[in-house]
């Protein structure tokens, strides 16, 4: 069963563009470079007011739970530290783990 590692981040307005570029140019490639995930999706939430910042969700898909566990055991803290170095006190973030039960596309 595939596992989705979901990271939701609220970033301050003043650094939202810089953070987006950093995510696209550095953080997401580093996450994918761990070899723990087969794909990712990057979203901006549109149903929340943006007065206090922008909210994004990044979903990384692992083929098996052991791949996610490898990420958590061997890569998580180093990558989180890099984000803290770049954007300390300018974001809040939380993670969730989900089982992917089904997915599809229209014909």
N, C-alpha and C. Protein backbone atom coordinates (compact mmCIF):
# COMPACT_ATOMS: atom_id res chain seq x y z
N UNK A 1 0.84 -1.18 0.00
CA UNK A 1 0.00 0.00 0.00
C UNK A 1 0.88 1.25 0.00
N UNK A 2 0.57 2.20 -0.87
CA UNK A 2 1.32 3.45 -0.92
C UNK A 2 0.98 4.32 0.28
N UNK A 3 1.96 5.08 0.72
CA UNK A 3 1.84 5.96 1.88
C UNK A 3 2.08 7.40 1.42
N UNK A 4 1.23 8.33 1.89
CA UNK A 4 1.39 9.74 1.56
C UNK A 4 1.86 10.48 2.81
N UNK A 5 2.99 11.13 2.69
CA UNK A 5 3.54 11.97 3.75
C UNK A 5 3.16 13.40 3.40
N UNK A 6 2.25 13.97 4.18
CA UNK A 6 1.66 15.27 3.90
C UNK A 6 2.26 16.31 4.85
N UNK A 7 2.77 17.40 4.28
CA UNK A 7 3.33 18.49 5.07
C UNK A 7 2.53 19.74 4.77
N UNK A 8 1.90 20.31 5.78
CA UNK A 8 1.14 21.55 5.63
C UNK A 8 1.94 22.66 6.28
N UNK A 9 2.15 23.74 5.54
CA UNK A 9 2.98 24.85 6.01
C UNK A 9 2.26 26.16 5.79
N UNK A 10 2.26 26.99 6.81
CA UNK A 10 1.77 28.37 6.69
C UNK A 10 2.99 29.28 6.79
N UNK A 11 3.19 30.06 5.74
CA UNK A 11 4.39 30.90 5.64
C UNK A 11 3.97 32.37 5.63
N UNK A 12 4.75 33.22 6.28
CA UNK A 12 4.44 34.65 6.33
C UNK A 12 4.47 35.28 4.94
N UNK A 13 3.59 36.27 4.74
CA UNK A 13 3.49 36.96 3.45
C UNK A 13 4.83 37.48 2.94
N UNK A 14 5.61 38.07 3.85
CA UNK A 14 6.85 38.75 3.45
C UNK A 14 7.86 37.80 2.80
N UNK A 15 7.79 36.53 3.10
CA UNK A 15 8.79 35.59 2.57
C UNK A 15 8.15 34.49 1.72
N UNK A 16 6.86 34.62 1.41
CA UNK A 16 6.15 33.56 0.69
C UNK A 16 6.76 33.27 -0.68
N UNK A 17 7.11 34.30 -1.44
CA UNK A 17 7.70 34.07 -2.77
C UNK A 17 9.08 33.41 -2.65
N UNK A 18 9.88 33.91 -1.74
CA UNK A 18 11.22 33.33 -1.52
C UNK A 18 11.09 31.87 -1.09
N UNK A 19 10.16 31.59 -0.17
CA UNK A 19 9.95 30.23 0.31
C UNK A 19 9.50 29.33 -0.83
N UNK A 20 8.58 29.78 -1.67
CA UNK A 20 8.12 29.00 -2.82
C UNK A 20 9.29 28.62 -3.73
N UNK A 21 10.13 29.60 -4.06
CA UNK A 21 11.30 29.32 -4.93
C UNK A 21 12.23 28.32 -4.25
N UNK A 22 12.45 28.51 -2.95
CA UNK A 22 13.32 27.61 -2.20
C UNK A 22 12.75 26.20 -2.21
N UNK A 23 11.45 26.06 -2.04
CA UNK A 23 10.81 24.74 -2.08
C UNK A 23 11.04 24.08 -3.44
N UNK A 24 10.81 24.84 -4.51
CA UNK A 24 10.92 24.29 -5.86
C UNK A 24 12.37 24.00 -6.26
N UNK A 25 13.27 24.87 -5.85
CA UNK A 25 14.67 24.74 -6.29
C UNK A 25 15.51 23.86 -5.38
N UNK A 26 15.18 23.80 -4.08
CA UNK A 26 16.04 23.10 -3.13
C UNK A 26 15.34 22.01 -2.33
N UNK A 27 14.28 22.37 -1.62
CA UNK A 27 13.72 21.43 -0.65
C UNK A 27 13.05 20.22 -1.30
N UNK A 28 12.17 20.45 -2.27
CA UNK A 28 11.51 19.32 -2.92
C UNK A 28 12.53 18.44 -3.65
N UNK A 29 13.47 19.00 -4.41
CA UNK A 29 14.49 18.13 -5.01
C UNK A 29 15.30 17.34 -3.97
N UNK A 30 15.59 17.95 -2.82
CA UNK A 30 16.32 17.23 -1.77
C UNK A 30 15.48 16.10 -1.20
N UNK A 31 14.19 16.33 -0.99
CA UNK A 31 13.29 15.27 -0.50
C UNK A 31 13.23 14.13 -1.51
N UNK A 32 13.04 14.47 -2.78
CA UNK A 32 12.96 13.43 -3.80
C UNK A 32 14.31 12.74 -3.97
N UNK A 33 15.38 13.45 -3.75
CA UNK A 33 16.72 12.89 -3.87
C UNK A 33 17.08 11.86 -2.81
N UNK A 34 16.28 11.79 -1.75
CA UNK A 34 16.54 10.77 -0.72
C UNK A 34 16.26 9.36 -1.24
N UNK A 35 15.48 9.25 -2.32
CA UNK A 35 15.10 7.95 -2.85
C UNK A 35 13.96 7.30 -2.08
N UNK A 36 13.38 8.01 -1.15
CA UNK A 36 12.31 7.45 -0.31
C UNK A 36 10.93 7.62 -0.91
N UNK A 37 10.80 8.52 -1.89
CA UNK A 37 9.49 8.83 -2.45
C UNK A 37 9.50 8.66 -3.96
N UNK A 38 8.34 8.24 -4.50
CA UNK A 38 8.24 8.06 -5.95
C UNK A 38 7.69 9.28 -6.67
N UNK A 39 6.95 10.13 -5.94
CA UNK A 39 6.36 11.31 -6.56
C UNK A 39 5.97 12.30 -5.47
N UNK A 40 5.59 13.49 -5.92
CA UNK A 40 5.11 14.52 -4.99
C UNK A 40 4.04 15.35 -5.67
N UNK A 41 3.27 16.06 -4.86
CA UNK A 41 2.30 17.05 -5.31
C UNK A 41 2.46 18.27 -4.41
N UNK A 42 2.36 19.46 -4.99
CA UNK A 42 2.56 20.71 -4.24
C UNK A 42 1.34 21.58 -4.47
N UNK A 43 0.64 21.95 -3.40
CA UNK A 43 -0.61 22.69 -3.49
C UNK A 43 -0.54 23.98 -2.68
N UNK A 44 -1.33 24.97 -3.10
CA UNK A 44 -1.59 26.14 -2.26
C UNK A 44 -3.07 26.10 -1.90
N UNK A 45 -3.36 26.17 -0.62
CA UNK A 45 -4.74 26.18 -0.17
C UNK A 45 -5.39 27.50 -0.54
N UNK A 46 -6.61 27.42 -1.05
CA UNK A 46 -7.31 28.63 -1.48
C UNK A 46 -8.53 28.92 -0.62
N UNK A 47 -8.88 28.04 0.28
CA UNK A 47 -10.10 28.23 1.07
C UNK A 47 -9.84 28.91 2.41
N UNK A 48 -8.61 29.33 2.65
CA UNK A 48 -8.28 30.00 3.90
C UNK A 48 -7.94 31.46 3.64
N UNK A 49 -8.29 32.36 4.57
CA UNK A 49 -7.90 33.76 4.39
C UNK A 49 -6.38 33.91 4.43
N UNK A 50 -5.85 34.80 3.61
CA UNK A 50 -4.40 34.98 3.51
C UNK A 50 -3.89 36.16 4.33
N UNK A 51 -4.70 36.67 5.24
CA UNK A 51 -4.29 37.84 6.01
C UNK A 51 -3.01 37.61 6.81
N UNK A 52 -2.81 36.41 7.27
CA UNK A 52 -1.66 36.13 8.13
C UNK A 52 -0.65 35.23 7.45
N UNK A 53 -0.71 35.10 6.15
CA UNK A 53 0.24 34.26 5.44
C UNK A 53 -0.44 33.36 4.44
N UNK A 54 0.36 32.58 3.76
CA UNK A 54 -0.12 31.66 2.74
C UNK A 54 0.07 30.23 3.26
N UNK A 55 -0.89 29.36 2.93
CA UNK A 55 -0.82 27.97 3.38
C UNK A 55 -0.62 27.05 2.19
N UNK A 56 0.33 26.15 2.32
CA UNK A 56 0.68 25.20 1.27
C UNK A 56 0.67 23.79 1.84
N UNK A 57 0.42 22.83 0.96
CA UNK A 57 0.52 21.43 1.32
C UNK A 57 1.41 20.74 0.29
N UNK A 58 2.35 19.97 0.78
CA UNK A 58 3.20 19.16 -0.09
C UNK A 58 2.98 17.71 0.28
N UNK A 59 2.67 16.89 -0.71
CA UNK A 59 2.43 15.47 -0.47
C UNK A 59 3.49 14.65 -1.19
N UNK A 60 4.19 13.83 -0.43
CA UNK A 60 5.20 12.94 -0.97
C UNK A 60 4.69 11.51 -0.87
N UNK A 61 4.75 10.76 -1.98
CA UNK A 61 4.21 9.41 -2.03
C UNK A 61 5.35 8.40 -1.93
N UNK A 62 5.25 7.54 -0.91
CA UNK A 62 6.20 6.44 -0.72
C UNK A 62 5.53 5.15 -1.17
N UNK A 63 6.29 4.29 -1.83
CA UNK A 63 5.74 3.02 -2.32
C UNK A 63 5.35 2.11 -1.17
N UNK A 64 6.13 2.13 -0.09
CA UNK A 64 5.87 1.28 1.08
C UNK A 64 6.17 2.07 2.35
N UNK A 65 5.61 1.62 3.43
CA UNK A 65 5.84 2.28 4.73
C UNK A 65 7.33 2.29 5.08
N UNK A 66 8.07 1.25 4.71
CA UNK A 66 9.50 1.22 5.04
C UNK A 66 10.27 2.33 4.36
N UNK A 67 9.80 2.78 3.18
CA UNK A 67 10.44 3.90 2.52
C UNK A 67 10.24 5.19 3.31
N UNK A 68 9.02 5.40 3.79
CA UNK A 68 8.76 6.56 4.64
C UNK A 68 9.57 6.48 5.92
N UNK A 69 9.63 5.31 6.51
CA UNK A 69 10.39 5.16 7.76
C UNK A 69 11.87 5.46 7.53
N UNK A 70 12.39 5.07 6.40
CA UNK A 70 13.78 5.40 6.05
C UNK A 70 13.97 6.92 6.02
N UNK A 71 13.02 7.63 5.41
CA UNK A 71 13.09 9.09 5.39
C UNK A 71 13.07 9.65 6.81
N UNK A 72 12.11 9.19 7.61
CA UNK A 72 11.96 9.70 8.97
C UNK A 72 13.20 9.43 9.82
N UNK A 73 13.80 8.27 9.66
CA UNK A 73 14.97 7.88 10.46
C UNK A 73 16.26 8.53 10.00
N UNK A 74 16.40 8.77 8.70
CA UNK A 74 17.71 9.15 8.16
C UNK A 74 17.80 10.52 7.51
N UNK A 75 16.68 11.17 7.23
CA UNK A 75 16.74 12.42 6.46
C UNK A 75 15.93 13.57 7.06
N UNK A 76 14.90 13.28 7.81
CA UNK A 76 13.96 14.29 8.29
C UNK A 76 14.64 15.45 8.99
N UNK A 77 15.45 15.17 10.00
CA UNK A 77 15.99 16.25 10.83
C UNK A 77 16.95 17.15 10.07
N UNK A 78 17.74 16.59 9.19
CA UNK A 78 18.67 17.43 8.40
C UNK A 78 17.90 18.37 7.48
N UNK A 79 16.84 17.87 6.83
CA UNK A 79 16.06 18.71 5.93
C UNK A 79 15.25 19.75 6.70
N UNK A 80 14.73 19.39 7.85
CA UNK A 80 14.02 20.37 8.68
C UNK A 80 14.98 21.47 9.16
N UNK A 81 16.19 21.08 9.49
CA UNK A 81 17.18 22.07 9.95
C UNK A 81 17.48 23.09 8.86
N UNK A 82 17.54 22.64 7.61
CA UNK A 82 17.79 23.57 6.51
C UNK A 82 16.64 24.57 6.37
N UNK A 83 15.42 24.09 6.55
CA UNK A 83 14.27 25.00 6.48
C UNK A 83 14.31 26.00 7.62
N UNK A 84 14.66 25.54 8.81
CA UNK A 84 14.77 26.45 9.95
C UNK A 84 15.86 27.49 9.73
N UNK A 85 16.95 27.10 9.11
CA UNK A 85 18.03 28.04 8.83
C UNK A 85 17.55 29.15 7.89
N UNK A 86 16.78 28.77 6.88
CA UNK A 86 16.31 29.74 5.88
C UNK A 86 15.13 30.58 6.37
N UNK A 87 14.21 29.97 7.17
CA UNK A 87 12.94 30.63 7.45
C UNK A 87 12.53 30.55 8.92
N UNK A 88 13.48 30.55 9.81
CA UNK A 88 13.20 30.43 11.24
C UNK A 88 12.20 31.51 11.70
N UNK A 89 11.21 31.08 12.46
CA UNK A 89 10.17 31.95 13.02
C UNK A 89 9.29 32.62 11.97
N UNK A 90 9.31 32.13 10.73
CA UNK A 90 8.49 32.72 9.67
C UNK A 90 7.46 31.74 9.13
N UNK A 91 7.35 30.57 9.75
CA UNK A 91 6.40 29.57 9.30
C UNK A 91 5.98 28.67 10.46
N UNK A 92 4.86 28.02 10.27
CA UNK A 92 4.45 26.91 11.13
C UNK A 92 4.13 25.75 10.20
N UNK A 93 4.38 24.55 10.68
CA UNK A 93 4.23 23.39 9.83
C UNK A 93 3.81 22.18 10.65
N UNK A 94 3.04 21.30 10.03
CA UNK A 94 2.74 20.01 10.68
C UNK A 94 2.67 18.94 9.60
N UNK A 95 2.90 17.72 10.03
CA UNK A 95 2.94 16.58 9.12
C UNK A 95 1.85 15.58 9.48
N UNK A 96 1.31 14.93 8.45
CA UNK A 96 0.39 13.82 8.64
C UNK A 96 0.80 12.70 7.70
N UNK A 97 0.44 11.48 8.05
CA UNK A 97 0.72 10.31 7.22
C UNK A 97 -0.62 9.66 6.88
N UNK A 98 -0.80 9.35 5.59
CA UNK A 98 -2.05 8.78 5.12
C UNK A 98 -1.78 7.55 4.26
N UNK A 99 -2.66 6.56 4.35
CA UNK A 99 -2.64 5.43 3.43
C UNK A 99 -3.39 5.83 2.16
N UNK A 100 -2.80 5.59 1.00
CA UNK A 100 -3.46 5.86 -0.27
C UNK A 100 -4.34 4.65 -0.60
N UNK A 101 -5.63 4.81 -0.49
CA UNK A 101 -6.55 3.70 -0.70
C UNK A 101 -6.90 3.50 -2.16
N UNK A 102 -7.01 4.60 -2.91
CA UNK A 102 -7.38 4.49 -4.32
C UNK A 102 -7.07 5.81 -5.00
N UNK A 103 -6.85 5.78 -6.29
CA UNK A 103 -6.69 6.98 -7.09
C UNK A 103 -7.12 6.66 -8.49
N UNK A 104 -7.46 7.68 -9.26
CA UNK A 104 -7.92 7.42 -10.62
C UNK A 104 -7.91 8.68 -11.44
N UNK A 105 -8.25 8.50 -12.70
CA UNK A 105 -8.35 9.60 -13.65
C UNK A 105 -9.57 9.37 -14.51
N UNK A 106 -10.09 10.44 -15.08
CA UNK A 106 -11.20 10.28 -16.00
C UNK A 106 -10.68 9.83 -17.35
N UNK A 107 -11.52 9.14 -18.07
CA UNK A 107 -11.10 8.60 -19.38
C UNK A 107 -11.05 9.66 -20.43
